[in-house]
C-alpha atoms as a PDB file:
ATOM      1  CA  MET A   1       0.000   0.000   0.000  1.00  0.00           C
ATOM      2  CA  ARG A   2       1.303   3.438  -0.928  1.00  0.00           C
ATOM      3  CA  ILE A   3       0.550   6.477   1.229  1.00  0.00           C
ATOM      4  CA  LEU A   4       0.945  10.055   0.023  1.00  0.00           C
ATOM      5  CA  VAL A   5       1.074  12.741   2.715  1.00  0.00           C
ATOM      6  CA  VAL A   6       0.271  16.342   1.738  1.00  0.00           C
ATOM      7  CA  CYS A   7       0.213  18.720   4.690  1.00  0.00           C
ATOM      8  CA  GLY A   8       1.107  22.116   3.256  1.00  0.00           C
ATOM      9  CA  ALA A   9       2.951  23.084   6.414  1.00  0.00           C
ATOM     10  CA  GLY A  10       6.686  22.952   5.839  1.00  0.00           C
ATOM     11  CA  ALA A  11       8.298  19.674   6.862  1.00  0.00           C
ATOM     12  CA  SER A  12       5.150  18.393   8.567  1.00  0.00           C
ATOM     13  CA  SER A  13       4.260  16.017   5.745  1.00  0.00           C
ATOM     14  CA  THR A  14       7.720  14.428   5.946  1.00  0.00           C
ATOM     15  CA  PHE A  15       7.328  13.839   9.687  1.00  0.00           C
ATOM     16  CA  VAL A  16       3.872  12.286   9.256  1.00  0.00           C
ATOM     17  CA  ALA A  17       5.151  10.004   6.471  1.00  0.00           C
ATOM     18  CA  GLN A  18       8.115   8.848   8.581  1.00  0.00           C
ATOM     19  CA  ARG A  19       5.938   8.133  11.604  1.00  0.00           C
ATOM     20  CA  VAL A  20       3.290   6.180   9.708  1.00  0.00           C
ATOM     21  CA  ARG A  21       6.024   4.089   8.034  1.00  0.00           C
ATOM     22  CA  HIS A  22       7.438   3.328  11.485  1.00  0.00           C
ATOM     23  CA  ALA A  23       4.012   2.370  12.854  1.00  0.00           C
ATOM     24  CA  ALA A  24       3.288   0.125   9.865  1.00  0.00           C
ATOM     25  CA  HIS A  25       6.682  -1.570  10.172  1.00  0.00           C
ATOM     26  CA  ALA A  26       6.111  -2.199  13.884  1.00  0.00           C
ATOM     27  CA  ARG A  27       2.766  -3.808  13.031  1.00  0.00           C
ATOM     28  CA  GLY A  28       4.254  -5.875  10.217  1.00  0.00           C
ATOM     29  CA  THR A  29       2.297  -4.052   7.504  1.00  0.00           C
ATOM     30  CA  ASP A  30       3.968  -3.532   4.133  1.00  0.00           C
ATOM     31  CA  ILE A  31       3.441   0.107   3.133  1.00  0.00           C
ATOM     32  CA  SER A  32       5.385   2.998   1.701  1.00  0.00           C
ATOM     33  CA  ALA A  33       4.678   6.560   2.778  1.00  0.00           C
ATOM     34  CA  VAL A  34       6.057   9.633   1.052  1.00  0.00           C
ATOM     35  CA  ALA A  35       5.582  13.372   1.416  1.00  0.00           C
ATOM     36  CA  GLY A  36       4.221  15.466  -1.432  1.00  0.00           C
ATOM     37  CA  THR A  37       2.966  18.958  -2.156  1.00  0.00           C
ATOM     38  CA  GLU A  38      -0.343  20.349  -3.312  1.00  0.00           C
ATOM     39  CA  GLN A  39       1.326  21.439  -6.548  1.00  0.00           C
ATOM     40  CA  SER A  40       2.625  17.939  -7.353  1.00  0.00           C
ATOM     41  CA  LEU A  41      -0.647  16.169  -6.512  1.00  0.00           C
ATOM     42  CA  PRO A  42      -1.792  15.614 -10.132  1.00  0.00           C
ATOM     43  CA  ILE A  43       1.325  13.486 -10.700  1.00  0.00           C
ATOM     44  CA  ASP A  44       1.786  12.017  -7.219  1.00  0.00           C
ATOM     45  CA  LEU A  45      -1.788  10.687  -7.027  1.00  0.00           C
ATOM     46  CA  ASP A  46      -1.052   8.272  -9.881  1.00  0.00           C
ATOM     47  CA  ALA A  47       1.321   6.356  -7.626  1.00  0.00           C
ATOM     48  CA  ALA A  48      -0.787   6.412  -4.430  1.00  0.00           C
ATOM     49  CA  ASP A  49      -3.468   4.260  -2.829  1.00  0.00           C
ATOM     50  CA  VAL A  50      -4.262   6.682   0.017  1.00  0.00           C
ATOM     51  CA  VAL A  51      -3.669  10.431   0.274  1.00  0.00           C
ATOM     52  CA  LEU A  52      -3.468  12.013   3.726  1.00  0.00           C
ATOM     53  CA  VAL A  53      -4.464  15.679   3.594  1.00  0.00           C
ATOM     54  CA  GLY A  54      -3.193  17.924   6.349  1.00  0.00           C
ATOM     55  CA  PRO A  55      -5.588  20.228   8.230  1.00  0.00           C
ATOM     56  CA  HIS A  56      -3.919  23.275   6.620  1.00  0.00           C
ATOM     57  CA  LEU A  57      -5.337  22.152   3.254  1.00  0.00           C
ATOM     58  CA  GLU A  58      -8.923  21.605   4.336  1.00  0.00           C
ATOM     59  CA  HIS A  59      -9.961  24.456   2.016  1.00  0.00           C
ATOM     60  CA  SER A  60      -8.725  22.358  -0.930  1.00  0.00           C
ATOM     61  CA  LEU A  61     -10.189  19.054   0.280  1.00  0.00           C
ATOM     62  CA  GLU A  62     -13.143  18.899  -2.120  1.00  0.00           C
ATOM     63  CA  GLY A  63     -10.932  19.256  -5.189  1.00  0.00           C
ATOM     64  CA  ILE A  64      -8.322  16.825  -3.869  1.00  0.00           C
ATOM     65  CA  ARG A  65     -11.001  14.255  -3.033  1.00  0.00           C
ATOM     66  CA  ARG A  66     -12.521  14.574  -6.507  1.00  0.00           C
ATOM     67  CA  ASP A  67      -9.170  14.127  -8.268  1.00  0.00           C
ATOM     68  CA  ALA A  68      -8.256  11.219  -5.989  1.00  0.00           C
ATOM     69  CA  ALA A  69     -11.568   9.397  -6.528  1.00  0.00           C
ATOM     70  CA  VAL A  70     -11.062   9.358 -10.292  1.00  0.00           C
ATOM     71  CA  ARG A  71      -7.808   7.491  -9.702  1.00  0.00           C
ATOM     72  CA  GLY A  72      -9.274   5.135  -7.112  1.00  0.00           C
ATOM     73  CA  VAL A  73      -7.294   6.803  -4.317  1.00  0.00           C
ATOM     74  CA  VAL A  74      -8.808   7.090  -0.827  1.00  0.00           C
ATOM     75  CA  THR A  75      -8.645  10.550   0.775  1.00  0.00           C
ATOM     76  CA  VAL A  76      -8.207  11.081   4.522  1.00  0.00           C
ATOM     77  CA  LEU A  77      -8.395  14.532   6.136  1.00  0.00           C
ATOM     78  CA  LEU A  78      -6.011  14.614   9.082  1.00  0.00           C
ATOM     79  CA  PRO A  79      -7.229  16.281  12.312  1.00  0.00           C
ATOM     80  CA  PRO A  80      -5.536  19.473  13.548  1.00  0.00           C
ATOM     81  CA  ASP A  81      -3.753  17.681  16.391  1.00  0.00           C
ATOM     82  CA  ILE A  82      -2.315  14.886  14.227  1.00  0.00           C
ATOM     83  CA  PHE A  83       1.227  16.255  14.516  1.00  0.00           C
ATOM     84  CA  GLY A  84       1.148  15.175  18.154  1.00  0.00           C
ATOM     85  CA  ASP A  85       0.938  11.543  16.966  1.00  0.00           C
ATOM     86  CA  ARG A  86       4.584  10.825  17.732  1.00  0.00           C
ATOM     87  CA  ASP A  87       4.598   7.108  16.925  1.00  0.00           C
ATOM     88  CA  GLY A  88       2.266   7.165  13.906  1.00  0.00           C
ATOM     89  CA  THR A  89      -0.226   4.671  15.348  1.00  0.00           C
ATOM     90  CA  ARG A  90      -3.117   7.118  15.371  1.00  0.00           C
ATOM     91  CA  THR A  91      -2.469   8.106  11.751  1.00  0.00           C
ATOM     92  CA  LEU A  92      -2.307   4.437  10.767  1.00  0.00           C
ATOM     93  CA  ALA A  93      -5.637   3.838  12.522  1.00  0.00           C
ATOM     94  CA  LEU A  94      -7.209   6.663  10.490  1.00  0.00           C
ATOM     95  CA  ILE A  95      -5.976   4.988   7.294  1.00  0.00           C
ATOM     96  CA  ASP A  96      -7.395   1.626   8.382  1.00  0.00           C
ATOM     97  CA  ALA A  97     -10.762   3.195   9.165  1.00  0.00           C
ATOM     98  CA  ALA A  98     -10.910   5.003   5.819  1.00  0.00           C
ATOM     99  CA  LEU A  99     -10.109   1.843   3.867  1.00  0.00           C
ATOM    100  CA  ALA A 100     -12.773  -0.119   5.752  1.00  0.00           C
ATOM    101  CA  THR A 101     -15.602   2.314   4.986  1.00  0.00           C
ATOM    102  CA  ASP A 102     -17.144   4.143   2.054  1.00  0.00           C
ATOM    103  CA  PRO A 103     -15.105   7.385   1.871  1.00  0.00           C
ATOM    104  CA  SER A 104     -17.928   9.177   0.081  1.00  0.00           C
ATOM    105  CA  ASP A 105     -20.274   9.242   3.049  1.00  0.00           C
ATOM    106  CA  GLY A 106     -18.255   8.116   6.053  1.00  0.00           C
ATOM    107  CA  LYS A 107     -20.684   5.316   6.943  1.00  0.00           C
ATOM    108  CA  ASP A 108     -19.439   1.932   8.126  1.00  0.00           C
ATOM    109  CA  THR A 109     -20.919   0.175   5.087  1.00  0.00           C
ATOM    110  CA  PRO A 110     -18.490  -1.459   2.679  1.00  0.00           C
ATOM    111  CA  MET A 111     -18.866  -0.339  -0.908  1.00  0.00           C
ATOM    112  CA  PRO A 112     -20.219  -2.979  -3.312  1.00  0.00           C
ATOM    113  CA  GLU A 113     -17.502  -4.510  -5.464  1.00  0.00           C
ATOM    114  CA  VAL A 114     -17.571  -6.085  -8.906  1.00  0.00           C
ATOM    115  CA  SER A 115     -14.679  -8.191 -10.228  1.00  0.00           C
ATOM    116  CA  ARG A 116     -13.547  -9.573 -13.588  1.00  0.00           C
ATOM    117  CA  THR A 117     -10.682 -11.980 -14.280  1.00  0.00           C
ATOM    118  CA  ILE A 118      -9.196 -11.328 -17.713  1.00  0.00           C
ATOM    119  CA  ARG A 119      -6.460 -12.902 -19.826  1.00  0.00           C
ATOM    120  CA  ILE A 120      -3.849 -10.461 -21.199  1.00  0.00           C
ATOM    121  CA  GLY A 121      -3.925 -10.307 -25.000  1.00  0.00           C
ATOM    122  CA  SER A 122      -0.999  -8.043 -25.918  1.00  0.00           C
ATOM    123  CA  SER A 123       1.919 -10.001 -27.389  1.00  0.00           C
ATOM    124  CA  ASN A 124       4.439  -8.307 -25.096  1.00  0.00           C
ATOM    125  CA  GLY A 125       2.181  -8.134 -22.041  1.00  0.00           C
ATOM    126  CA  LEU A 126       1.305  -5.005 -20.082  1.00  0.00           C
ATOM    127  CA  HIS A 127       4.379  -2.979 -20.984  1.00  0.00           C
ATOM    128  CA  ALA A 128       4.423   0.822 -21.289  1.00  0.00           C
ATOM    129  CA  ARG A 129       2.101   1.385 -24.270  1.00  0.00           C
ATOM    130  CA  PRO A 130      -0.818  -0.931 -23.373  1.00  0.00           C
ATOM    131  CA  ALA A 131      -0.416  -0.026 -19.685  1.00  0.00           C
ATOM    132  CA  LYS A 132      -0.750   3.663 -20.579  1.00  0.00           C
ATOM    133  CA  LEU A 133      -3.865   3.025 -22.708  1.00  0.00           C
ATOM    134  CA  PHE A 134      -5.404   0.942 -19.936  1.00  0.00           C
ATOM    135  CA  ALA A 135      -4.574   3.379 -17.097  1.00  0.00           C
ATOM    136  CA  GLN A 136      -6.002   6.290 -19.094  1.00  0.00           C
ATOM    137  CA  ALA A 137      -9.228   4.357 -19.706  1.00  0.00           C
ATOM    138  CA  VAL A 138      -9.468   3.706 -15.965  1.00  0.00           C
ATOM    139  CA  LYS A 139      -9.037   7.411 -15.207  1.00  0.00           C
ATOM    140  CA  ASP A 140     -11.685   8.275 -17.785  1.00  0.00           C
ATOM    141  CA  ALA A 141     -14.100   5.796 -16.163  1.00  0.00           C
ATOM    142  CA  GLY A 142     -14.210   7.959 -13.033  1.00  0.00           C
ATOM    143  CA  ILE A 143     -14.656   5.146 -10.482  1.00  0.00           C
ATOM    144  CA  PRO A 144     -12.154   3.419  -8.150  1.00  0.00           C
ATOM    145  CA  ILE A 145     -10.620   0.352  -9.840  1.00  0.00           C
ATOM    146  CA  THR A 146      -7.804  -1.966  -8.769  1.00  0.00           C
ATOM    147  CA  ILE A 147      -5.901  -4.619 -10.718  1.00  0.00           C
ATOM    148  CA  SER A 148      -4.027  -7.635  -9.378  1.00  0.00           C
ATOM    149  CA  LYS A 149      -2.183 -10.658 -10.754  1.00  0.00           C
ATOM    150  CA  GLY A 150      -2.249 -13.966  -8.939  1.00  0.00           C
ATOM    151  CA  ALA A 151      -1.612 -13.569  -5.219  1.00  0.00           C
ATOM    152  CA  SER A 152      -0.058 -10.108  -5.601  1.00  0.00           C
ATOM    153  CA  ALA A 153      -1.595  -7.178  -3.756  1.00  0.00           C
ATOM    154  CA  PRO A 154      -4.048  -5.112  -5.829  1.00  0.00           C
ATOM    155  CA  VAL A 155      -2.704  -1.849  -7.230  1.00  0.00           C
ATOM    156  CA  ASN A 156      -4.432   1.298  -8.405  1.00  0.00           C
ATOM    157  CA  ALA A 157      -5.446   0.518 -11.995  1.00  0.00           C
ATOM    158  CA  ALA A 158      -5.196   4.204 -12.927  1.00  0.00           C
ATOM    159  CA  SER A 159      -1.469   4.187 -12.131  1.00  0.00           C
ATOM    160  CA  ILE A 160       0.711   3.343 -15.141  1.00  0.00           C
ATOM    161  CA  LEU A 161       3.628   2.437 -12.872  1.00  0.00           C
ATOM    162  CA  GLY A 162       1.391   0.266 -10.715  1.00  0.00           C
ATOM    163  CA  VAL A 163       0.047  -1.610 -13.740  1.00  0.00           C
ATOM    164  CA  ILE A 164       3.534  -2.176 -15.191  1.00  0.00           C
ATOM    165  CA  SER A 165       4.815  -3.357 -11.793  1.00  0.00           C
ATOM    166  CA  LEU A 166       2.524  -6.397 -12.001  1.00  0.00           C
ATOM    167  CA  GLY A 167       4.748  -7.848 -14.720  1.00  0.00           C
ATOM    168  CA  ALA A 168       1.730  -9.280 -16.559  1.00  0.00           C
ATOM    169  CA  GLU A 169       2.731 -11.150 -19.720  1.00  0.00           C
ATOM    170  CA  LYS A 170       0.649 -12.380 -22.661  1.00  0.00           C
ATOM    171  CA  GLY A 171      -1.671 -15.141 -21.444  1.00  0.00           C
ATOM    172  CA  ASP A 172      -1.443 -14.136 -17.775  1.00  0.00           C
ATOM    173  CA  TYR A 173      -4.681 -13.608 -15.887  1.00  0.00           C
ATOM    174  CA  VAL A 174      -5.364 -10.392 -14.013  1.00  0.00           C
ATOM    175  CA  THR A 175      -8.319  -9.460 -11.829  1.00  0.00           C
ATOM    176  CA  LEU A 176     -10.048  -6.081 -11.975  1.00  0.00           C
ATOM    177  CA  THR A 177     -12.155  -4.903  -9.063  1.00  0.00           C
ATOM    178  CA  ALA A 178     -14.345  -1.795  -9.167  1.00  0.00           C
ATOM    179  CA  ASP A 179     -16.777   0.078  -6.933  1.00  0.00           C
ATOM    180  CA  GLY A 180     -19.842   1.997  -8.025  1.00  0.00           C
ATOM    181  CA  ASP A 181     -23.085   1.724  -9.914  1.00  0.00           C
ATOM    182  CA  ALA A 182     -21.380   1.679 -13.325  1.00  0.00           C
ATOM    183  CA  ALA A 183     -18.808  -0.956 -12.334  1.00  0.00           C
ATOM    184  CA  ASP A 184     -20.226  -3.747 -14.522  1.00  0.00           C
ATOM    185  CA  SER A 185     -20.193  -1.803 -17.765  1.00  0.00           C
ATOM    186  CA  VAL A 186     -16.840  -0.173 -17.007  1.00  0.00           C
ATOM    187  CA  LEU A 187     -15.179  -3.532 -16.345  1.00  0.00           C
ATOM    188  CA  ASP A 188     -16.662  -4.951 -19.550  1.00  0.00           C
ATOM    189  CA  THR A 189     -15.020  -2.119 -21.491  1.00  0.00           C
ATOM    190  CA  LEU A 190     -11.688  -2.525 -19.689  1.00  0.00           C
ATOM    191  CA  ALA A 191     -11.759  -6.300 -20.175  1.00  0.00           C
ATOM    192  CA  GLU A 192     -12.043  -5.809 -23.921  1.00  0.00           C
ATOM    193  CA  LEU A 193      -9.077  -3.422 -23.797  1.00  0.00           C
ATOM    194  CA  LEU A 194      -6.925  -5.947 -21.935  1.00  0.00           C
ATOM    195  CA  THR A 195      -7.769  -8.879 -24.200  1.00  0.00           C
ATOM    196  CA  THR A 196      -6.888  -6.880 -27.332  1.00  0.00           C
ATOM    197  CA  ASP A 197      -3.376  -7.306 -28.743  1.00  0.00           C
ATOM    198  CA  HIS A 198      -2.005  -3.752 -28.874  1.00  0.00           C
ATOM    199  CA  ASP A 199       1.333  -4.993 -30.187  1.00  0.00           C
ATOM    200  CA  GLU A 200       0.027  -6.168 -33.569  1.00  0.00           C
END
């Protein structure tokens, strides 16, 4: 899991990222956490699963949440006193809670999921060109979508780097999972894209 921390208050985001990495390591959870800026968000979101937004950026939360949702990234607004979380455990608990609930309404009801298992059709697998076409189609779909191969952890399907990191070759099977009312039709479209040989 990849955490992006954007606090907008000097080195605060770096401290939060370091502490949540420490807390995750102590718990045996495999995550990466990096600090970013509001200006770099359009690029940084492509490589994130969760974005932590500092209280100083609450005025920008609606726009950040909208951009994150298109990429399937969960948004968490950090409370004003979060910088007192010296060991990162409270921040990690906020991440856990956000991932366990529907971030659009804050209720403790899991979002409905739809999955498709698809065989890769491109002769050279999901390398840069087909991965870029696929990730762009996911972004255009406007709903959260993940992709996984075998027992590997799901990655954000809107992230080109995440898709390439799966190492999916021709004939490999990948699983797409989506949330939302349009999930069925979106996954049908994406399945067709993945089964097409873009290397012909």
